[in-house]
PDB file of all heavy atoms in Angstrom:
ATOM      1  N   LEU A   1     121.103   0.624 173.152  1.00  0.00           N
ATOM      2  CA  LEU A   1     120.917   1.562 171.982  1.00  0.00           C
ATOM      3  C   LEU A   1     121.482   2.950 172.274  1.00  0.00           C
ATOM      4  O   LEU A   1     121.010   3.992 172.078  1.00  0.00           O
ATOM      5  CB  LEU A   1     119.449   1.745 171.540  1.00  0.00           C
ATOM      6  CG  LEU A   1     118.744   0.470 171.265  1.00  0.00           C
ATOM      7  CD1 LEU A   1     117.276   0.893 170.980  1.00  0.00           C
ATOM      8  CD2 LEU A   1     119.376  -0.092 169.949  1.00  0.00           C
ATOM      9  N   GLY A   2     122.761   2.908 172.890  1.00  0.00           N
ATOM     10  CA  GLY A   2     123.491   4.197 173.302  1.00  0.00           C
ATOM     11  C   GLY A   2     124.390   3.865 174.360  1.00  0.00           C
ATOM     12  O   GLY A   2     124.706   2.743 174.768  1.00  0.00           O
ATOM     13  N   MET A   3     124.888   5.011 174.873  1.00  0.00           N
ATOM     14  CA  MET A   3     125.847   4.735 176.105  1.00  0.00           C
ATOM     15  C   MET A   3     125.616   5.992 177.014  1.00  0.00           C
ATOM     16  O   MET A   3     125.567   7.204 176.637  1.00  0.00           O
ATOM     17  CB  MET A   3     127.250   4.941 175.441  1.00  0.00           C
ATOM     18  CG  MET A   3     128.306   4.867 176.496  1.00  0.00           C
ATOM     19  SD  MET A   3     130.006   4.770 175.672  1.00  0.00           S
ATOM     20  CE  MET A   3     131.051   5.276 177.005  1.00  0.00           C
ATOM     21  N   LEU A   4     125.582   5.686 178.337  1.00  0.00           N
ATOM     22  CA  LEU A   4     125.483   6.716 179.371  1.00  0.00           C
ATOM     23  C   LEU A   4     127.011   7.001 179.676  1.00  0.00           C
ATOM     24  O   LEU A   4     127.832   6.130 179.983  1.00  0.00           O
ATOM     25  CB  LEU A   4     124.770   6.235 180.553  1.00  0.00           C
ATOM     26  CG  LEU A   4     123.384   5.773 180.376  1.00  0.00           C
ATOM     27  CD1 LEU A   4     122.599   5.508 181.758  1.00  0.00           C
ATOM     28  CD2 LEU A   4     122.649   6.587 179.583  1.00  0.00           C
ATOM     29  N   CYS A   5     127.361   8.314 179.684  1.00  0.00           N
ATOM     30  CA  CYS A   5     128.702   8.727 179.692  1.00  0.00           C
ATOM     31  C   CYS A   5     129.358   9.286 180.952  1.00  0.00           C
ATOM     32  O   CYS A   5     128.679  10.027 181.717  1.00  0.00           O
ATOM     33  CB  CYS A   5     128.989   9.711 178.587  1.00  0.00           C
ATOM     34  SG  CYS A   5     128.421   9.204 176.932  1.00  0.00           S
ATOM     35  N   ALA A   6     130.649   8.924 181.108  1.00  0.00           N
ATOM     36  CA  ALA A   6     131.524   9.454 182.179  1.00  0.00           C
ATOM     37  C   ALA A   6     132.104  10.649 181.524  1.00  0.00           C
ATOM     38  O   ALA A   6     132.329  10.928 180.337  1.00  0.00           O
ATOM     39  CB  ALA A   6     132.431   8.468 182.868  1.00  0.00           C
ATOM     40  N   GLU A   7     132.819  11.532 182.505  1.00  0.00           N
ATOM     41  CA  GLU A   7     133.519  12.734 181.988  1.00  0.00           C
ATOM     42  C   GLU A   7     134.622  12.362 180.939  1.00  0.00           C
ATOM     43  O   GLU A   7     134.692  12.990 179.855  1.00  0.00           O
ATOM     44  CB  GLU A   7     134.267  13.389 183.164  1.00  0.00           C
ATOM     45  CG  GLU A   7     133.219  14.258 183.992  1.00  0.00           C
ATOM     46  CD  GLU A   7     133.978  15.036 185.082  1.00  0.00           C
ATOM     47  OE1 GLU A   7     135.295  15.013 185.057  1.00  0.00           O
ATOM     48  OE2 GLU A   7     133.399  15.721 185.907  1.00  0.00           O
ATOM     49  N   ASP A   8     135.429  11.364 181.341  1.00  0.00           N
ATOM     50  CA  ASP A   8     136.567  11.135 180.411  1.00  0.00           C
ATOM     51  C   ASP A   8     136.191  10.442 179.064  1.00  0.00           C
ATOM     52  O   ASP A   8     136.776  10.684 178.061  1.00  0.00           O
ATOM     53  CB  ASP A   8     137.552  10.244 181.099  1.00  0.00           C
ATOM     54  CG  ASP A   8     136.995   8.780 181.363  1.00  0.00           C
ATOM     55  OD1 ASP A   8     135.821   8.690 181.645  1.00  0.00           O
ATOM     56  OD2 ASP A   8     137.803   7.905 181.447  1.00  0.00           O
ATOM     57  N   GLU A   9     134.895   9.965 179.034  1.00  0.00           N
ATOM     58  CA  GLU A   9     134.563   9.264 177.754  1.00  0.00           C
ATOM     59  C   GLU A   9     134.071  10.241 176.729  1.00  0.00           C
ATOM     60  O   GLU A   9     134.099   9.903 175.523  1.00  0.00           O
ATOM     61  CB  GLU A   9     133.371   8.332 178.132  1.00  0.00           C
ATOM     62  CG  GLU A   9     133.907   7.047 178.970  1.00  0.00           C
ATOM     63  CD  GLU A   9     132.730   6.279 179.513  1.00  0.00           C
ATOM     64  OE1 GLU A   9     131.614   6.835 179.771  1.00  0.00           O
ATOM     65  OE2 GLU A   9     132.876   5.083 179.807  1.00  0.00           O
ATOM     66  N   ILE A  10     133.707  11.432 177.102  1.00  0.00           N
ATOM     67  CA  ILE A  10     133.336  12.451 176.103  1.00  0.00           C
ATOM     68  C   ILE A  10     134.330  13.649 176.053  1.00  0.00           C
ATOM     69  O   ILE A  10     134.116  14.627 175.308  1.00  0.00           O
ATOM     70  CB  ILE A  10     131.910  13.049 176.419  1.00  0.00           C
ATOM     71  CG1 ILE A  10     131.879  13.694 177.757  1.00  0.00           C
ATOM     72  CG2 ILE A  10     130.883  11.928 176.267  1.00  0.00           C
ATOM     73  CD1 ILE A  10     130.523  14.392 178.041  1.00  0.00           C
ATOM     74  N   GLY A  11     135.351  13.441 176.813  1.00  0.00           N
ATOM     75  CA  GLY A  11     136.569  14.409 176.684  1.00  0.00           C
ATOM     76  C   GLY A  11     136.294  15.738 177.433  1.00  0.00           C
ATOM     77  O   GLY A  11     137.010  16.753 177.187  1.00  0.00           O
ATOM     78  N   VAL A  12     135.416  15.834 178.489  1.00  0.00           N
ATOM     79  CA  VAL A  12     135.236  16.966 179.230  1.00  0.00           C
ATOM     80  C   VAL A  12     135.811  17.083 180.561  1.00  0.00           C
ATOM     81  O   VAL A  12     135.797  18.047 181.350  1.00  0.00           O
ATOM     82  CB  VAL A  12     133.730  17.322 179.392  1.00  0.00           C
ATOM     83  CG1 VAL A  12     132.925  17.434 178.128  1.00  0.00           C
ATOM     84  CG2 VAL A  12     133.034  16.226 180.303  1.00  0.00           C
ATOM     85  N   GLY A  13     136.497  15.966 180.929  1.00  0.00           N
ATOM     86  CA  GLY A  13     137.278  15.799 182.124  1.00  0.00           C
ATOM     87  C   GLY A  13     138.052  14.514 182.256  1.00  0.00           C
ATOM     88  O   GLY A  13     138.148  13.832 181.267  1.00  0.00           O
ATOM     89  N   THR A  14     138.398  14.138 183.442  1.00  0.00           N
ATOM     90  CA  THR A  14     139.186  12.966 183.618  1.00  0.00           C
ATOM     91  C   THR A  14     138.557  11.949 184.488  1.00  0.00           C
ATOM     92  O   THR A  14     139.094  10.766 184.596  1.00  0.00           O
ATOM     93  CB  THR A  14     140.552  13.384 184.242  1.00  0.00           C
ATOM     94  OG1 THR A  14     140.407  14.024 185.504  1.00  0.00           O
ATOM     95  CG2 THR A  14     141.425  14.202 183.379  1.00  0.00           C
ATOM     96  N   ALA A  15     137.462  12.219 185.127  1.00  0.00           N
ATOM     97  CA  ALA A  15     136.812  11.363 186.037  1.00  0.00           C
ATOM     98  C   ALA A  15     136.176  10.185 185.365  1.00  0.00           C
ATOM     99  O   ALA A  15     135.624  10.306 184.198  1.00  0.00           O
ATOM    100  CB  ALA A  15     135.747  12.128 186.804  1.00  0.00           C
ATOM    101  N   HIS A  16     136.334   8.997 185.927  1.00  0.00           N
ATOM    102  CA  HIS A  16     135.776   7.843 185.375  1.00  0.00           C
ATOM    103  C   HIS A  16     135.167   6.832 186.512  1.00  0.00           C
ATOM    104  O   HIS A  16     135.010   5.674 186.248  1.00  0.00           O
ATOM    105  CB  HIS A  16     136.854   6.961 184.622  1.00  0.00           C
ATOM    106  CG  HIS A  16     136.266   5.854 183.744  1.00  0.00           C
ATOM    107  ND1 HIS A  16     135.618   6.011 182.556  1.00  0.00           N
ATOM    108  CD2 HIS A  16     136.388   4.459 183.995  1.00  0.00           C
ATOM    109  CE1 HIS A  16     135.287   4.855 182.071  1.00  0.00           C
ATOM    110  NE2 HIS A  16     135.736   3.924 182.889  1.00  0.00           N
ATOM    111  N   ASP A  17     134.809   7.517 187.591  1.00  0.00           N
ATOM    112  CA  ASP A  17     134.244   6.625 188.669  1.00  0.00           C
ATOM    113  C   ASP A  17     132.688   6.572 188.483  1.00  0.00           C
ATOM    114  O   ASP A  17     132.050   6.027 189.467  1.00  0.00           O
ATOM    115  CB  ASP A  17     134.661   7.297 190.083  1.00  0.00           C
ATOM    116  CG  ASP A  17     134.376   8.724 190.184  1.00  0.00           C
ATOM    117  OD1 ASP A  17     133.844   9.335 189.065  1.00  0.00           O
ATOM    118  OD2 ASP A  17     134.413   9.282 191.242  1.00  0.00           O
ATOM    119  N   GLY A  18     132.157   7.045 187.612  1.00  0.00           N
ATOM    120  CA  GLY A  18     130.742   7.020 187.377  1.00  0.00           C
ATOM    121  C   GLY A  18     130.288   7.865 186.162  1.00  0.00           C
ATOM    122  O   GLY A  18     131.035   8.690 185.674  1.00  0.00           O
ATOM    123  N   ILE A  19     128.977   7.739 185.813  1.00  0.00           N
ATOM    124  CA  ILE A  19     128.479   8.648 184.781  1.00  0.00           C
ATOM    125  C   ILE A  19     128.281  10.002 185.282  1.00  0.00           C
ATOM    126  O   ILE A  19     128.182  10.243 186.525  1.00  0.00           O
ATOM    127  CB  ILE A  19     127.138   7.973 184.134  1.00  0.00           C
ATOM    128  CG1 ILE A  19     126.132   7.897 185.297  1.00  0.00           C
ATOM    129  CG2 ILE A  19     127.330   6.765 183.440  1.00  0.00           C
ATOM    130  CD1 ILE A  19     124.746   7.523 184.872  1.00  0.00           C
ATOM    131  N   ILE A  20     128.168  10.958 184.329  1.00  0.00           N
ATOM    132  CA  ILE A  20     127.838  12.400 184.750  1.00  0.00           C
ATOM    133  C   ILE A  20     126.432  12.525 185.081  1.00  0.00           C
ATOM    134  O   ILE A  20     125.510  11.980 184.418  1.00  0.00           O
ATOM    135  CB  ILE A  20     128.154  13.257 183.535  1.00  0.00           C
ATOM    136  CG1 ILE A  20     129.673  13.172 183.014  1.00  0.00           C
ATOM    137  CG2 ILE A  20     127.810  14.717 183.831  1.00  0.00           C
ATOM    138  CD1 ILE A  20     129.950  13.851 181.740  1.00  0.00           C
ATOM    139  N   VAL A  21     126.155  12.963 186.282  1.00  0.00           N
ATOM    140  CA  VAL A  21     124.849  13.320 186.708  1.00  0.00           C
ATOM    141  C   VAL A  21     124.595  14.830 186.755  1.00  0.00           C
ATOM    142  O   VAL A  21     125.252  15.510 187.408  1.00  0.00           O
ATOM    143  CB  VAL A  21     124.511  12.669 188.121  1.00  0.00           C
ATOM    144  CG1 VAL A  21     123.101  12.922 188.574  1.00  0.00           C
ATOM    145  CG2 VAL A  21     124.778  11.134 188.094  1.00  0.00           C
ATOM    146  N   LEU A  22     123.576  15.251 186.031  1.00  0.00           N
ATOM    147  CA  LEU A  22     123.197  16.656 185.823  1.00  0.00           C
ATOM    148  C   LEU A  22     122.228  17.134 186.728  1.00  0.00           C
ATOM    149  O   LEU A  22     121.425  16.352 187.353  1.00  0.00           O
ATOM    150  CB  LEU A  22     122.951  16.933 184.406  1.00  0.00           C
ATOM    151  CG  LEU A  22     123.769  16.418 183.320  1.00  0.00           C
ATOM    152  CD1 LEU A  22     123.274  16.712 181.926  1.00  0.00           C
ATOM    153  CD2 LEU A  22     125.178  17.015 183.431  1.00  0.00           C
ATOM    154  N   PRO A  23     122.117  18.352 187.060  1.00  0.00           N
ATOM    155  CA  PRO A  23     120.944  18.888 187.788  1.00  0.00           C
ATOM    156  C   PRO A  23     119.551  18.640 187.080  1.00  0.00           C
ATOM    157  O   PRO A  23     119.496  18.367 185.924  1.00  0.00           O
ATOM    158  CB  PRO A  23     121.215  20.474 187.597  1.00  0.00           C
ATOM    159  CG  PRO A  23     122.682  20.620 187.314  1.00  0.00           C
ATOM    160  CD  PRO A  23     122.981  19.543 186.530  1.00  0.00           C
ATOM    161  N   GLN A  24     118.592  18.498 187.925  1.00  0.00           N
ATOM    162  CA  GLN A  24     117.314  18.092 187.486  1.00  0.00           C
ATOM    163  C   GLN A  24     116.645  19.002 186.638  1.00  0.00           C
ATOM    164  O   GLN A  24     115.750  18.687 185.821  1.00  0.00           O
ATOM    165  CB  GLN A  24     116.333  17.802 188.737  1.00  0.00           C
ATOM    166  CG  GLN A  24     116.682  16.509 189.521  1.00  0.00           C
ATOM    167  CD  GLN A  24     116.385  15.327 188.608  1.00  0.00           C
ATOM    168  OE1 GLN A  24     115.312  15.188 187.896  1.00  0.00           O
ATOM    169  NE2 GLN A  24     117.282  14.285 188.643  1.00  0.00           N
ATOM    170  N   ASP A  25     117.004  20.253 186.560  1.00  0.00           N
ATOM    171  CA  ASP A  25     116.169  21.194 185.720  1.00  0.00           C
ATOM    172  C   ASP A  25     116.778  21.333 184.314  1.00  0.00           C
ATOM    173  O   ASP A  25     116.347  22.048 183.478  1.00  0.00           O
ATOM    174  CB  ASP A  25     116.383  22.677 186.319  1.00  0.00           C
ATOM    175  CG  ASP A  25     117.792  23.173 186.496  1.00  0.00           C
ATOM    176  OD1 ASP A  25     118.747  22.387 186.315  1.00  0.00           O
ATOM    177  OD2 ASP A  25     118.044  24.379 186.945  1.00  0.00           O
ATOM    178  N   VAL A  26     117.696  20.463 184.005  1.00  0.00           N
ATOM    179  CA  VAL A  26     118.156  20.386 182.473  1.00  0.00           C
ATOM    180  C   VAL A  26     117.306  19.625 181.706  1.00  0.00           C
ATOM    181  O   VAL A  26     116.956  18.435 182.036  1.00  0.00           O
ATOM    182  CB  VAL A  26     119.699  19.827 182.424  1.00  0.00           C
ATOM    183  CG1 VAL A  26     120.178  19.898 181.012  1.00  0.00           C
ATOM    184  CG2 VAL A  26     120.615  20.523 183.330  1.00  0.00           C
ATOM    185  N   PRO A  27     116.708  20.110 180.664  1.00  0.00           N
ATOM    186  CA  PRO A  27     115.630  19.403 179.903  1.00  0.00           C
ATOM    187  C   PRO A  27     116.251  18.204 179.178  1.00  0.00           C
ATOM    188  O   PRO A  27     117.361  18.373 178.608  1.00  0.00           O
ATOM    189  CB  PRO A  27     115.081  20.557 178.967  1.00  0.00           C
ATOM    190  CG  PRO A  27     115.547  21.854 179.474  1.00  0.00           C
ATOM    191  CD  PRO A  27     116.800  21.652 180.168  1.00  0.00           C
ATOM    192  N   ALA A  28     115.568  17.192 179.126  1.00  0.00           N
ATOM    193  CA  ALA A  28     115.931  16.072 178.309  1.00  0.00           C
ATOM    194  C   ALA A  28     115.974  16.440 176.826  1.00  0.00           C
ATOM    195  O   ALA A  28     115.024  17.153 176.356  1.00  0.00           O
ATOM    196  CB  ALA A  28     115.000  14.828 178.435  1.00  0.00           C
ATOM    197  N   GLY A  29     116.977  15.979 176.024  1.00  0.00           N
ATOM    198  CA  GLY A  29     117.065  16.377 174.722  1.00  0.00           C
ATOM    199  C   GLY A  29     118.049  17.391 174.520  1.00  0.00           C
ATOM    200  O   GLY A  29     118.408  17.752 173.251  1.00  0.00           O
ATOM    201  N   THR A  30     118.396  18.198 175.446  1.00  0.00           N
ATOM    202  CA  THR A  30     119.294  19.250 175.285  1.00  0.00           C
ATOM    203  C   THR A  30     120.613  18.808 174.761  1.00  0.00           C
ATOM    204  O   THR A  30     121.285  17.850 175.281  1.00  0.00           O
ATOM    205  CB  THR A  30     119.640  19.939 176.654  1.00  0.00           C
ATOM    206  OG1 THR A  30     118.429  20.556 177.230  1.00  0.00           O
ATOM    207  CG2 THR A  30     120.686  21.092 176.444  1.00  0.00           C
ATOM    208  N   PRO A  31     121.115  19.383 173.632  1.00  0.00           N
ATOM    209  CA  PRO A  31     122.471  18.927 173.107  1.00  0.00           C
ATOM    210  C   PRO A  31     123.458  19.101 174.154  1.00  0.00           C
ATOM    211  O   PRO A  31     123.598  20.126 174.769  1.00  0.00           O
ATOM    212  CB  PRO A  31     122.778  19.804 171.797  1.00  0.00           C
ATOM    213  CG  PRO A  31     121.233  20.266 171.395  1.00  0.00           C
ATOM    214  CD  PRO A  31     120.545  20.390 172.787  1.00  0.00           C
ATOM    215  N   ALA A  32     124.337  18.124 174.311  1.00  0.00           N
ATOM    216  CA  ALA A  32     125.508  18.208 175.232  1.00  0.00           C
ATOM    217  C   ALA A  32     126.327  19.424 174.796  1.00  0.00           C
ATOM    218  O   ALA A  32     126.992  20.027 175.660  1.00  0.00           O
ATOM    219  CB  ALA A  32     126.219  17.007 175.299  1.00  0.00           C
ATOM    220  N   ARG A  33     126.507  19.679 173.636  1.00  0.00           N
ATOM    221  CA  ARG A  33     127.350  20.837 173.154  1.00  0.00           C
ATOM    222  C   ARG A  33     126.787  22.143 173.809  1.00  0.00           C
ATOM    223  O   ARG A  33     127.551  23.011 174.201  1.00  0.00           O
ATOM    224  CB  ARG A  33     127.182  20.901 171.738  1.00  0.00           C
ATOM    225  CG  ARG A  33     127.915  22.144 171.135  1.00  0.00           C
ATOM    226  CD  ARG A  33     127.732  22.121 169.612  1.00  0.00           C
ATOM    227  NE  ARG A  33     128.469  23.291 168.978  1.00  0.00           N
ATOM    228  CZ  ARG A  33     129.728  23.329 168.732  1.00  0.00           C
ATOM    229  NH1 ARG A  33     130.325  22.186 168.656  1.00  0.00           N
ATOM    230  NH2 ARG A  33     130.349  24.375 168.117  1.00  0.00           N
ATOM    231  N   ASP A  34     125.570  22.224 173.819  1.00  0.00           N
ATOM    232  CA  ASP A  34     124.882  23.420 174.444  1.00  0.00           C
ATOM    233  C   ASP A  34     125.070  23.425 176.016  1.00  0.00           C
ATOM    234  O   ASP A  34     125.315  24.570 176.574  1.00  0.00           O
ATOM    235  CB  ASP A  34     123.404  23.641 174.099  1.00  0.00           C
ATOM    236  CG  ASP A  34     123.185  23.782 172.679  1.00  0.00           C
ATOM    237  OD1 ASP A  34     124.175  24.199 171.907  1.00  0.00           O
ATOM    238  OD2 ASP A  34     122.079  23.644 172.164  1.00  0.00           O
ATOM    239  N   TYR A  35     124.864  22.372 176.612  1.00  0.00           N
ATOM    240  CA  TYR A  35     124.991  22.262 178.091  1.00  0.00           C
ATOM    241  C   TYR A  35     126.447  22.674 178.511  1.00  0.00           C
ATOM    242  O   TYR A  35     126.653  23.381 179.451  1.00  0.00           O
ATOM    243  CB  TYR A  35     124.664  20.902 178.600  1.00  0.00           C
ATOM    244  CG  TYR A  35     124.788  20.756 180.081  1.00  0.00           C
ATOM    245  CD1 TYR A  35     123.843  21.288 180.943  1.00  0.00           C
ATOM    246  CD2 TYR A  35     125.976  20.201 180.586  1.00  0.00           C
ATOM    247  CE1 TYR A  35     124.080  21.294 182.341  1.00  0.00           C
ATOM    248  CE2 TYR A  35     126.135  20.129 181.963  1.00  0.00           C
ATOM    249  CZ  TYR A  35     125.166  20.628 182.790  1.00  0.00           C
ATOM    250  OH  TYR A  35     125.300  20.593 184.293  1.00  0.00           O
ATOM    251  N   PHE A  36     127.404  22.175 177.816  1.00  0.00           N
ATOM    252  CA  PHE A  36     128.832  22.353 178.239  1.00  0.00           C
ATOM    253  C   PHE A  36     129.402  23.666 177.529  1.00  0.00           C
ATOM    254  O   PHE A  36     130.567  24.011 177.658  1.00  0.00           O
ATOM    255  CB  PHE A  36     129.692  21.192 177.763  1.00  0.00           C
ATOM    256  CG  PHE A  36     129.457  20.046 178.609  1.00  0.00           C
ATOM    257  CD1 PHE A  36     128.811  18.884 178.124  1.00  0.00           C
ATOM    258  CD2 PHE A  36     129.870  20.002 179.985  1.00  0.00           C
ATOM    259  CE1 PHE A  36     128.560  17.756 178.951  1.00  0.00           C
ATOM    260  CE2 PHE A  36     129.678  18.848 180.701  1.00  0.00           C
ATOM    261  CZ  PHE A  36     128.994  17.688 180.237  1.00  0.00           C
ATOM    262  N   GLN A  37     128.538  24.335 176.792  1.00  0.00           N
ATOM    263  CA  GLN A  37     128.896  25.606 176.203  1.00  0.00           C
ATOM    264  C   GLN A  37     130.149  25.514 175.346  1.00  0.00           C
ATOM    265  O   GLN A  37     130.981  26.480 175.434  1.00  0.00           O
ATOM    266  CB  GLN A  37     129.001  26.751 177.296  1.00  0.00           C
ATOM    267  CG  GLN A  37     127.868  26.966 178.061  1.00  0.00           C
ATOM    268  CD  GLN A  37     128.040  27.956 179.149  1.00  0.00           C
ATOM    269  OE1 GLN A  37     129.023  28.374 179.604  1.00  0.00           O
ATOM    270  NE2 GLN A  37     126.898  28.463 179.764  1.00  0.00           N
ATOM    271  N   LEU A  38     130.136  24.479 174.420  1.00  0.00           N
ATOM    272  CA  LEU A  38     131.226  24.380 173.581  1.00  0.00           C
ATOM    273  C   LEU A  38     131.162  25.496 172.456  1.00  0.00           C
ATOM    274  O   LEU A  38     130.116  25.821 172.173  1.00  0.00           O
ATOM    275  CB  LEU A  38     131.212  22.989 173.014  1.00  0.00           C
ATOM    276  CG  LEU A  38     131.389  21.723 173.916  1.00  0.00           C
ATOM    277  CD1 LEU A  38     131.497  20.532 173.056  1.00  0.00           C
ATOM    278  CD2 LEU A  38     132.336  21.894 174.929  1.00  0.00           C
ATOM    279  N   GLU A  39     132.372  25.784 172.067  1.00  0.00           N
ATOM    280  CA  GLU A  39     132.489  26.868 170.927  1.00  0.00           C
ATOM    281  C   GLU A  39     133.560  26.460 170.020  1.00  0.00           C
ATOM    282  O   GLU A  39     134.615  26.103 170.399  1.00  0.00           O
ATOM    283  CB  GLU A  39     132.604  28.214 171.565  1.00  0.00           C
ATOM    284  CG  GLU A  39     133.967  28.274 172.380  1.00  0.00           C
ATOM    285  CD  GLU A  39     134.112  29.674 173.043  1.00  0.00           C
ATOM    286  OE1 GLU A  39     133.068  30.485 173.108  1.00  0.00           O
ATOM    287  OE2 GLU A  39     135.132  30.007 173.484  1.00  0.00           O
ATOM    288  N   ASP A  40     133.215  26.672 168.703  1.00  0.00           N
ATOM    289  CA  ASP A  40     134.298  26.617 167.726  1.00  0.00           C
ATOM    290  C   ASP A  40     135.232  27.857 167.828  1.00  0.00           C
ATOM    291  O   ASP A  40     134.665  28.871 168.136  1.00  0.00           O
ATOM    292  CB  ASP A  40     133.702  26.308 166.304  1.00  0.00           C
ATOM    293  CG  ASP A  40     133.046  25.083 166.168  1.00  0.00           C
ATOM    294  OD1 ASP A  40     133.399  24.068 166.881  1.00  0.00           O
ATOM    295  OD2 ASP A  40     132.118  24.940 165.295  1.00  0.00           O
ATOM    296  N   ASP A  41     136.375  27.704 167.367  1.00  0.00           N
ATOM    297  CA  ASP A  41     137.312  28.883 167.458  1.00  0.00           C
ATOM    298  C   ASP A  41     138.357  28.860 166.312  1.00  0.00           C
ATOM    299  O   ASP A  41     138.303  27.797 165.587  1.00  0.00           O
ATOM    300  CB  ASP A  41     138.133  28.706 168.837  1.00  0.00           C
ATOM    301  CG  ASP A  41     138.649  30.093 169.239  1.00  0.00           C
ATOM    302  OD1 ASP A  41     138.537  31.076 168.547  1.00  0.00           O
ATOM    303  OD2 ASP A  41     139.344  30.156 170.300  1.00  0.00           O
ATOM    304  N   TYR A  42     138.971  29.919 166.232  1.00  0.00           N
ATOM    305  CA  TYR A  42     140.140  29.943 165.245  1.00  0.00           C
ATOM    306  C   TYR A  42     141.325  30.293 165.923  1.00  0.00           C
ATOM    307  O   TYR A  42     141.501  31.189 166.775  1.00  0.00           O
ATOM    308  CB  TYR A  42     139.802  30.977 164.184  1.00  0.00           C
ATOM    309  CG  TYR A  42     138.825  30.559 163.018  1.00  0.00           C
ATOM    310  CD1 TYR A  42     137.401  30.811 163.369  1.00  0.00           C
ATOM    311  CD2 TYR A  42     139.160  29.769 162.009  1.00  0.00           C
ATOM    312  CE1 TYR A  42     136.513  30.291 162.437  1.00  0.00           C
ATOM    313  CE2 TYR A  42     138.178  29.426 161.052  1.00  0.00           C
ATOM    314  CZ  TYR A  42     136.783  29.554 161.242  1.00  0.00           C
ATOM    315  OH  TYR A  42     135.914  29.220 160.346  1.00  0.00           O
ATOM    316  N   LEU A  43     142.462  29.523 165.668  1.00  0.00           N
ATOM    317  CA  LEU A  43     143.733  29.847 166.289  1.00  0.00           C
ATOM    318  C   LEU A  43     144.590  30.610 165.220  1.00  0.00           C
ATOM    319  O   LEU A  43     144.878  30.041 164.131  1.00  0.00           O
ATOM    320  CB  LEU A  43     144.349  28.493 166.703  1.00  0.00           C
ATOM    321  CG  LEU A  43     145.625  28.675 167.640  1.00  0.00           C
ATOM    322  CD1 LEU A  43     145.256  29.387 168.897  1.00  0.00           C
ATOM    323  CD2 LEU A  43     146.289  27.236 167.840  1.00  0.00           C
TER     324      LEU A  43
END
């Protein structure tokens, strides 16, 4: 019922040798958008 992701699978990098493992203090349920500090922009 979902997918555990590597860097290249979500577009945040090129690594594909394993899934992304985060620090233990990151709360479960945190949107990945917030964790990676994504921002919309205007060009």
